[in-house]
Amino acid sequence: MFMTEEKSASLASGDELVAQLQASGALDEVFAKIDAGQVSMTGSDGLLPALLKTTLKRGLGAELTDHLGYE
């Protein structure tokens, strides 16, 4: 699946998404849990590996859907 220039231009940047998450308070909740020791950033059960895993699974699912023509 290739991204068109039109679609690329309509994407929010990472900084824009972070600003939206900050405005909603979502990042404050995550950072509070990290500060309280309730969530680890790294390690096998950490936030970063979980985000990466979820991102890869979602991307692979989208690629399969595109390739097969159905979900």
PDB file of N, CA and C in Angstrom:
ATOM      1  N   MET A   1       0.861  -1.166   0.000  1.00  0.00           N
ATOM      2  CA  MET A   1       0.000   0.000   0.000  1.00  0.00           C
ATOM      3  C   MET A   1       0.907   1.228   0.000  1.00  0.00           C
ATOM      4  N   PHE A   2       0.696   2.106  -0.967  1.00  0.00           N
ATOM      5  CA  PHE A   2       1.502   3.319  -1.072  1.00  0.00           C
ATOM      6  C   PHE A   2       0.679   4.520  -0.677  1.00  0.00           C
ATOM      7  N   MET A   3       1.320   5.486  -0.047  1.00  0.00           N
ATOM      8  CA  MET A   3       0.638   6.685   0.401  1.00  0.00           C
ATOM      9  C   MET A   3       0.719   7.741  -0.692  1.00  0.00           C
ATOM     10  N   THR A   4      -0.424   8.294  -1.063  1.00  0.00           N
ATOM     11  CA  THR A   4      -0.439   9.345  -2.066  1.00  0.00           C
ATOM     12  C   THR A   4      -0.011  10.655  -1.423  1.00  0.00           C
ATOM     13  N   GLU A   5       0.412  11.611  -2.263  1.00  0.00           N
ATOM     14  CA  GLU A   5       0.804  12.922  -1.736  1.00  0.00           C
ATOM     15  C   GLU A   5      -0.373  13.594  -1.046  1.00  0.00           C
ATOM     16  N   GLU A   6      -1.574  13.396  -1.596  1.00  0.00           N
ATOM     17  CA  GLU A   6      -2.778  14.006  -1.007  1.00  0.00           C
ATOM     18  C   GLU A   6      -3.023  13.457   0.390  1.00  0.00           C
ATOM     19  N   LYS A   7      -2.918  12.139   0.529  1.00  0.00           N
ATOM     20  CA  LYS A   7      -3.131  11.519   1.837  1.00  0.00           C
ATOM     21  C   LYS A   7      -2.025  11.929   2.802  1.00  0.00           C
ATOM     22  N   SER A   8      -0.798  11.977   2.324  1.00  0.00           N
ATOM     23  CA  SER A   8       0.328  12.371   3.158  1.00  0.00           C
ATOM     24  C   SER A   8       0.161  13.794   3.676  1.00  0.00           C
ATOM     25  N   ALA A   9      -0.346  14.682   2.845  1.00  0.00           N
ATOM     26  CA  ALA A   9      -0.530  16.080   3.239  1.00  0.00           C
ATOM     27  C   ALA A   9      -1.612  16.226   4.300  1.00  0.00           C
ATOM     28  N   SER A  10      -2.558  15.284   4.347  1.00  0.00           N
ATOM     29  CA  SER A  10      -3.657  15.390   5.305  1.00  0.00           C
ATOM     30  C   SER A  10      -3.319  14.757   6.655  1.00  0.00           C
ATOM     31  N   LEU A  11      -2.176  14.089   6.770  1.00  0.00           N
ATOM     32  CA  LEU A  11      -1.780  13.446   8.019  1.00  0.00           C
ATOM     33  C   LEU A  11      -1.304  14.469   9.037  1.00  0.00           C
ATOM     34  N   ALA A  12      -1.642  14.217  10.288  1.00  0.00           N
ATOM     35  CA  ALA A  12      -1.141  15.063  11.373  1.00  0.00           C
ATOM     36  C   ALA A  12       0.287  14.641  11.691  1.00  0.00           C
ATOM     37  N   SER A  13       1.109  15.587  12.079  1.00  0.00           N
ATOM     38  CA  SER A  13       2.471  15.246  12.480  1.00  0.00           C
ATOM     39  C   SER A  13       2.435  14.642  13.885  1.00  0.00           C
ATOM     40  N   GLY A  14       3.539  14.023  14.248  1.00  0.00           N
ATOM     41  CA  GLY A  14       3.638  13.473  15.595  1.00  0.00           C
ATOM     42  C   GLY A  14       3.484  14.549  16.653  1.00  0.00           C
ATOM     43  N   ASP A  15       4.082  15.723  16.374  1.00  0.00           N
ATOM     44  CA  ASP A  15       3.974  16.837  17.322  1.00  0.00           C
ATOM     45  C   ASP A  15       2.521  17.294  17.475  1.00  0.00           C
ATOM     46  N   GLU A  16       1.787  17.292  16.373  1.00  0.00           N
ATOM     47  CA  GLU A  16       0.369  17.694  16.441  1.00  0.00           C
ATOM     48  C   GLU A  16      -0.440  16.692  17.255  1.00  0.00           C
ATOM     49  N   LEU A  17      -0.157  15.417  17.067  1.00  0.00           N
ATOM     50  CA  LEU A  17      -0.867  14.391  17.826  1.00  0.00           C
ATOM     51  C   LEU A  17      -0.548  14.490  19.314  1.00  0.00           C
ATOM     52  N   VAL A  18       0.718  14.718  19.638  1.00  0.00           N
ATOM     53  CA  VAL A  18       1.113  14.884  21.041  1.00  0.00           C
ATOM     54  C   VAL A  18       0.391  16.082  21.647  1.00  0.00           C
ATOM     55  N   ALA A  19       0.307  17.179  20.902  1.00  0.00           N
ATOM     56  CA  ALA A  19      -0.395  18.365  21.391  1.00  0.00           C
ATOM     57  C   ALA A  19      -1.862  18.055  21.657  1.00  0.00           C
ATOM     58  N   GLN A  20      -2.482  17.269  20.787  1.00  0.00           N
ATOM     59  CA  GLN A  20      -3.887  16.884  20.992  1.00  0.00           C
ATOM     60  C   GLN A  20      -4.031  16.009  22.232  1.00  0.00           C
ATOM     61  N   LEU A  21      -3.100  15.066  22.422  1.00  0.00           N
ATOM     62  CA  LEU A  21      -3.152  14.197  23.598  1.00  0.00           C
ATOM     63  C   LEU A  21      -2.923  14.994  24.875  1.00  0.00           C
ATOM     64  N   GLN A  22      -2.026  15.981  24.816  1.00  0.00           N
ATOM     65  CA  GLN A  22      -1.796  16.834  25.979  1.00  0.00           C
ATOM     66  C   GLN A  22      -3.049  17.645  26.293  1.00  0.00           C
ATOM     67  N   ALA A  23      -3.674  18.205  25.276  1.00  0.00           N
ATOM     68  CA  ALA A  23      -4.873  19.019  25.481  1.00  0.00           C
ATOM     69  C   ALA A  23      -6.013  18.195  26.074  1.00  0.00           C
ATOM     70  N   SER A  24      -6.096  16.920  25.712  1.00  0.00           N
ATOM     71  CA  SER A  24      -7.172  16.071  26.226  1.00  0.00           C
ATOM     72  C   SER A  24      -6.885  15.556  27.631  1.00  0.00           C
ATOM     73  N   GLY A  25      -5.633  15.677  28.075  1.00  0.00           N
ATOM     74  CA  GLY A  25      -5.264  15.173  29.396  1.00  0.00           C
ATOM     75  C   GLY A  25      -4.795  13.730  29.381  1.00  0.00           C
ATOM     76  N   ALA A  26      -4.838  13.098  28.218  1.00  0.00           N
ATOM     77  CA  ALA A  26      -4.458  11.687  28.130  1.00  0.00           C
ATOM     78  C   ALA A  26      -2.993  11.474  28.494  1.00  0.00           C
ATOM     79  N   LEU A  27      -2.120  12.362  28.052  1.00  0.00           N
ATOM     80  CA  LEU A  27      -0.706  12.202  28.373  1.00  0.00           C
ATOM     81  C   LEU A  27      -0.437  12.414  29.853  1.00  0.00           C
ATOM     82  N   ASP A  28      -1.170  13.319  30.475  1.00  0.00           N
ATOM     83  CA  ASP A  28      -0.991  13.542  31.912  1.00  0.00           C
ATOM     84  C   ASP A  28      -1.294  12.271  32.692  1.00  0.00           C
ATOM     85  N   GLU A  29      -2.322  11.545  32.284  1.00  0.00           N
ATOM     86  CA  GLU A  29      -2.676  10.294  32.952  1.00  0.00           C
ATOM     87  C   GLU A  29      -1.571   9.258  32.792  1.00  0.00           C
ATOM     88  N   VAL A  30      -1.043   9.132  31.577  1.00  0.00           N
ATOM     89  CA  VAL A  30       0.026   8.166  31.325  1.00  0.00           C
ATOM     90  C   VAL A  30       1.272   8.533  32.121  1.00  0.00           C
ATOM     91  N   PHE A  31       1.661   9.820  32.068  1.00  0.00           N
ATOM     92  CA  PHE A  31       2.855  10.242  32.793  1.00  0.00           C
ATOM     93  C   PHE A  31       2.687  10.094  34.303  1.00  0.00           C
ATOM     94  N   ALA A  32       1.499  10.309  34.806  1.00  0.00           N
ATOM     95  CA  ALA A  32       1.250  10.130  36.238  1.00  0.00           C
ATOM     96  C   ALA A  32       1.454   8.665  36.633  1.00  0.00           C
ATOM     97  N   LYS A  33       1.001   7.744  35.788  1.00  0.00           N
ATOM     98  CA  LYS A  33       1.190   6.317  36.076  1.00  0.00           C
ATOM     99  C   LYS A  33       2.662   5.932  36.001  1.00  0.00           C
ATOM    100  N   ILE A  34       3.376   6.519  35.050  1.00  0.00           N
ATOM    101  CA  ILE A  34       4.817   6.251  34.944  1.00  0.00           C
ATOM    102  C   ILE A  34       5.527   6.785  36.192  1.00  0.00           C
ATOM    103  N   ASP A  35       5.206   8.015  36.580  1.00  0.00           N
ATOM    104  CA  ASP A  35       5.832   8.630  37.757  1.00  0.00           C
ATOM    105  C   ASP A  35       5.532   7.857  39.033  1.00  0.00           C
ATOM    106  N   ALA A  36       4.335   7.274  39.116  1.00  0.00           N
ATOM    107  CA  ALA A  36       3.936   6.522  40.304  1.00  0.00           C
ATOM    108  C   ALA A  36       4.500   5.100  40.300  1.00  0.00           C
ATOM    109  N   GLY A  37       5.189   4.729  39.220  1.00  0.00           N
ATOM    110  CA  GLY A  37       5.753   3.386  39.142  1.00  0.00           C
ATOM    111  C   GLY A  37       4.750   2.328  38.738  1.00  0.00           C
ATOM    112  N   GLN A  38       3.586   2.735  38.272  1.00  0.00           N
ATOM    113  CA  GLN A  38       2.553   1.786  37.861  1.00  0.00           C
ATOM    114  C   GLN A  38       2.781   1.264  36.449  1.00  0.00           C
ATOM    115  N   VAL A  39       3.547   2.006  35.650  1.00  0.00           N
ATOM    116  CA  VAL A  39       3.828   1.630  34.260  1.00  0.00           C
ATOM    117  C   VAL A  39       5.315   1.816  34.011  1.00  0.00           C
ATOM    118  N   SER A  40       5.926   0.830  33.390  1.00  0.00           N
ATOM    119  CA  SER A  40       7.327   0.917  33.015  1.00  0.00           C
ATOM    120  C   SER A  40       7.409   1.372  31.558  1.00  0.00           C
ATOM    121  N   MET A  41       8.413   2.163  31.229  1.00  0.00           N
ATOM    122  CA  MET A  41       8.587   2.618  29.846  1.00  0.00           C
ATOM    123  C   MET A  41       9.197   1.524  28.975  1.00  0.00           C
ATOM    124  N   THR A  42      10.122   0.744  29.541  1.00  0.00           N
ATOM    125  CA  THR A  42      10.847  -0.271  28.776  1.00  0.00           C
ATOM    126  C   THR A  42      10.707  -1.624  29.438  1.00  0.00           C
ATOM    127  N   GLY A  43      11.353  -2.613  28.874  1.00  0.00           N
ATOM    128  CA  GLY A  43      11.271  -3.964  29.408  1.00  0.00           C
ATOM    129  C   GLY A  43      10.151  -4.729  28.730  1.00  0.00           C
ATOM    130  N   SER A  44      10.052  -5.997  29.025  1.00  0.00           N
ATOM    131  CA  SER A  44       9.098  -6.852  28.322  1.00  0.00           C
ATOM    132  C   SER A  44       7.640  -6.423  28.524  1.00  0.00           C
ATOM    133  N   ASP A  45       7.331  -5.814  29.653  1.00  0.00           N
ATOM    134  CA  ASP A  45       5.963  -5.352  29.915  1.00  0.00           C
ATOM    135  C   ASP A  45       5.848  -3.835  29.843  1.00  0.00           C
ATOM    136  N   GLY A  46       6.825  -3.182  29.211  1.00  0.00           N
ATOM    137  CA  GLY A  46       6.852  -1.728  29.175  1.00  0.00           C
ATOM    138  C   GLY A  46       5.916  -1.116  28.151  1.00  0.00           C
ATOM    139  N   LEU A  47       5.710   0.169  28.304  1.00  0.00           N
ATOM    140  CA  LEU A  47       4.827   0.930  27.429  1.00  0.00           C
ATOM    141  C   LEU A  47       5.341   0.978  25.994  1.00  0.00           C
ATOM    142  N   LEU A  48       6.621   1.285  25.817  1.00  0.00           N
ATOM    143  CA  LEU A  48       7.174   1.410  24.462  1.00  0.00           C
ATOM    144  C   LEU A  48       7.097   0.102  23.673  1.00  0.00           C
ATOM    145  N   PRO A  49       7.493  -1.043  24.244  1.00  0.00           N
ATOM    146  CA  PRO A  49       7.344  -2.293  23.497  1.00  0.00           C
ATOM    147  C   PRO A  49       5.870  -2.606  23.180  1.00  0.00           C
ATOM    148  N   ALA A  50       4.976  -2.288  24.101  1.00  0.00           N
ATOM    149  CA  ALA A  50       3.552  -2.539  23.860  1.00  0.00           C
ATOM    150  C   ALA A  50       3.019  -1.670  22.721  1.00  0.00           C
ATOM    151  N   LEU A  51       3.441  -0.399  22.685  1.00  0.00           N
ATOM    152  CA  LEU A  51       3.027   0.480  21.589  1.00  0.00           C
ATOM    153  C   LEU A  51       3.564  -0.011  20.248  1.00  0.00           C
ATOM    154  N   LEU A  52       4.819  -0.428  20.239  1.00  0.00           N
ATOM    155  CA  LEU A  52       5.423  -0.932  19.011  1.00  0.00           C
ATOM    156  C   LEU A  52       4.705  -2.194  18.537  1.00  0.00           C
ATOM    157  N   LYS A  53       4.446  -3.115  19.454  1.00  0.00           N
ATOM    158  CA  LYS A  53       3.762  -4.365  19.115  1.00  0.00           C
ATOM    159  C   LYS A  53       2.369  -4.085  18.539  1.00  0.00           C
ATOM    160  N   THR A  54       1.632  -3.198  19.184  1.00  0.00           N
ATOM    161  CA  THR A  54       0.289  -2.857  18.725  1.00  0.00           C
ATOM    162  C   THR A  54       0.329  -2.201  17.350  1.00  0.00           C
ATOM    163  N   THR A  55       1.304  -1.323  17.141  1.00  0.00           N
ATOM    164  CA  THR A  55       1.461  -0.649  15.859  1.00  0.00           C
ATOM    165  C   THR A  55       1.766  -1.650  14.747  1.00  0.00           C
ATOM    166  N   LEU A  56       2.684  -2.573  15.004  1.00  0.00           N
ATOM    167  CA  LEU A  56       3.042  -3.568  14.002  1.00  0.00           C
ATOM    168  C   LEU A  56       1.867  -4.493  13.684  1.00  0.00           C
ATOM    169  N   LYS A  57       1.140  -4.929  14.713  1.00  0.00           N
ATOM    170  CA  LYS A  57      -0.013  -5.797  14.486  1.00  0.00           C
ATOM    171  C   LYS A  57      -1.082  -5.096  13.663  1.00  0.00           C
ATOM    172  N   ARG A  58      -1.313  -3.839  13.968  1.00  0.00           N
ATOM    173  CA  ARG A  58      -2.319  -3.086  13.224  1.00  0.00           C
ATOM    174  C   ARG A  58      -1.887  -2.891  11.767  1.00  0.00           C
ATOM    175  N   GLY A  59      -0.618  -2.572  11.564  1.00  0.00           N
ATOM    176  CA  GLY A  59      -0.106  -2.405  10.210  1.00  0.00           C
ATOM    177  C   GLY A  59      -0.169  -3.687   9.406  1.00  0.00           C
ATOM    178  N   LEU A  60       0.219  -4.801  10.022  1.00  0.00           N
ATOM    179  CA  LEU A  60       0.144  -6.082   9.332  1.00  0.00           C
ATOM    180  C   LEU A  60      -1.292  -6.452   8.999  1.00  0.00           C
ATOM    181  N   GLY A  61      -2.210  -6.152   9.919  1.00  0.00           N
ATOM    182  CA  GLY A  61      -3.629  -6.415   9.649  1.00  0.00           C
ATOM    183  C   GLY A  61      -4.136  -5.605   8.473  1.00  0.00           C
ATOM    184  N   ALA A  62      -3.722  -4.345   8.405  1.00  0.00           N
ATOM    185  CA  ALA A  62      -4.132  -3.489   7.288  1.00  0.00           C
ATOM    186  C   ALA A  62      -3.547  -3.994   5.977  1.00  0.00           C
ATOM    187  N   GLU A  63      -2.293  -4.443   6.007  1.00  0.00           N
ATOM    188  CA  GLU A  63      -1.668  -4.979   4.795  1.00  0.00           C
ATOM    189  C   GLU A  63      -2.381  -6.240   4.332  1.00  0.00           C
ATOM    190  N   LEU A  64      -2.734  -7.121   5.253  1.00  0.00           N
ATOM    191  CA  LEU A  64      -3.458  -8.342   4.886  1.00  0.00           C
ATOM    192  C   LEU A  64      -4.829  -8.012   4.310  1.00  0.00           C
ATOM    193  N   THR A  65      -5.520  -7.064   4.936  1.00  0.00           N
ATOM    194  CA  THR A  65      -6.836  -6.652   4.438  1.00  0.00           C
ATOM    195  C   THR A  65      -6.709  -6.111   3.015  1.00  0.00           C
ATOM    196  N   ASP A  66      -5.703  -5.288   2.783  1.00  0.00           N
ATOM    197  CA  ASP A  66      -5.482  -4.701   1.465  1.00  0.00           C
ATOM    198  C   ASP A  66      -5.147  -5.801   0.453  1.00  0.00           C
ATOM    199  N   HIS A  67      -4.298  -6.725   0.851  1.00  0.00           N
ATOM    200  CA  HIS A  67      -3.854  -7.795  -0.050  1.00  0.00           C
ATOM    201  C   HIS A  67      -4.997  -8.764  -0.379  1.00  0.00           C
ATOM    202  N   LEU A  68      -5.766  -9.140   0.644  1.00  0.00           N
ATOM    203  CA  LEU A  68      -6.839 -10.111   0.444  1.00  0.00           C
ATOM    204  C   LEU A  68      -8.116  -9.492  -0.104  1.00  0.00           C
ATOM    205  N   GLY A  69      -8.306  -8.211   0.157  1.00  0.00           N
ATOM    206  CA  GLY A  69      -9.508  -7.538  -0.314  1.00  0.00           C
ATOM    207  C   GLY A  69     -10.666  -7.619   0.658  1.00  0.00           C
ATOM    208  N   TYR A  70     -10.460  -8.195   1.828  1.00  0.00           N
ATOM    209  CA  TYR A  70     -11.492  -8.247   2.876  1.00  0.00           C
ATOM    210  C   TYR A  70     -10.799  -8.386   4.220  1.00  0.00           C
ATOM    211  N   GLU A  71     -11.537  -8.076   5.307  1.00  0.00           N
ATOM    212  CA  GLU A  71     -10.934  -8.173   6.640  1.00  0.00           C
ATOM    213  C   GLU A  71     -10.926  -9.608   7.125  1.00  0.00           C
TER     214      GLU A  71
END
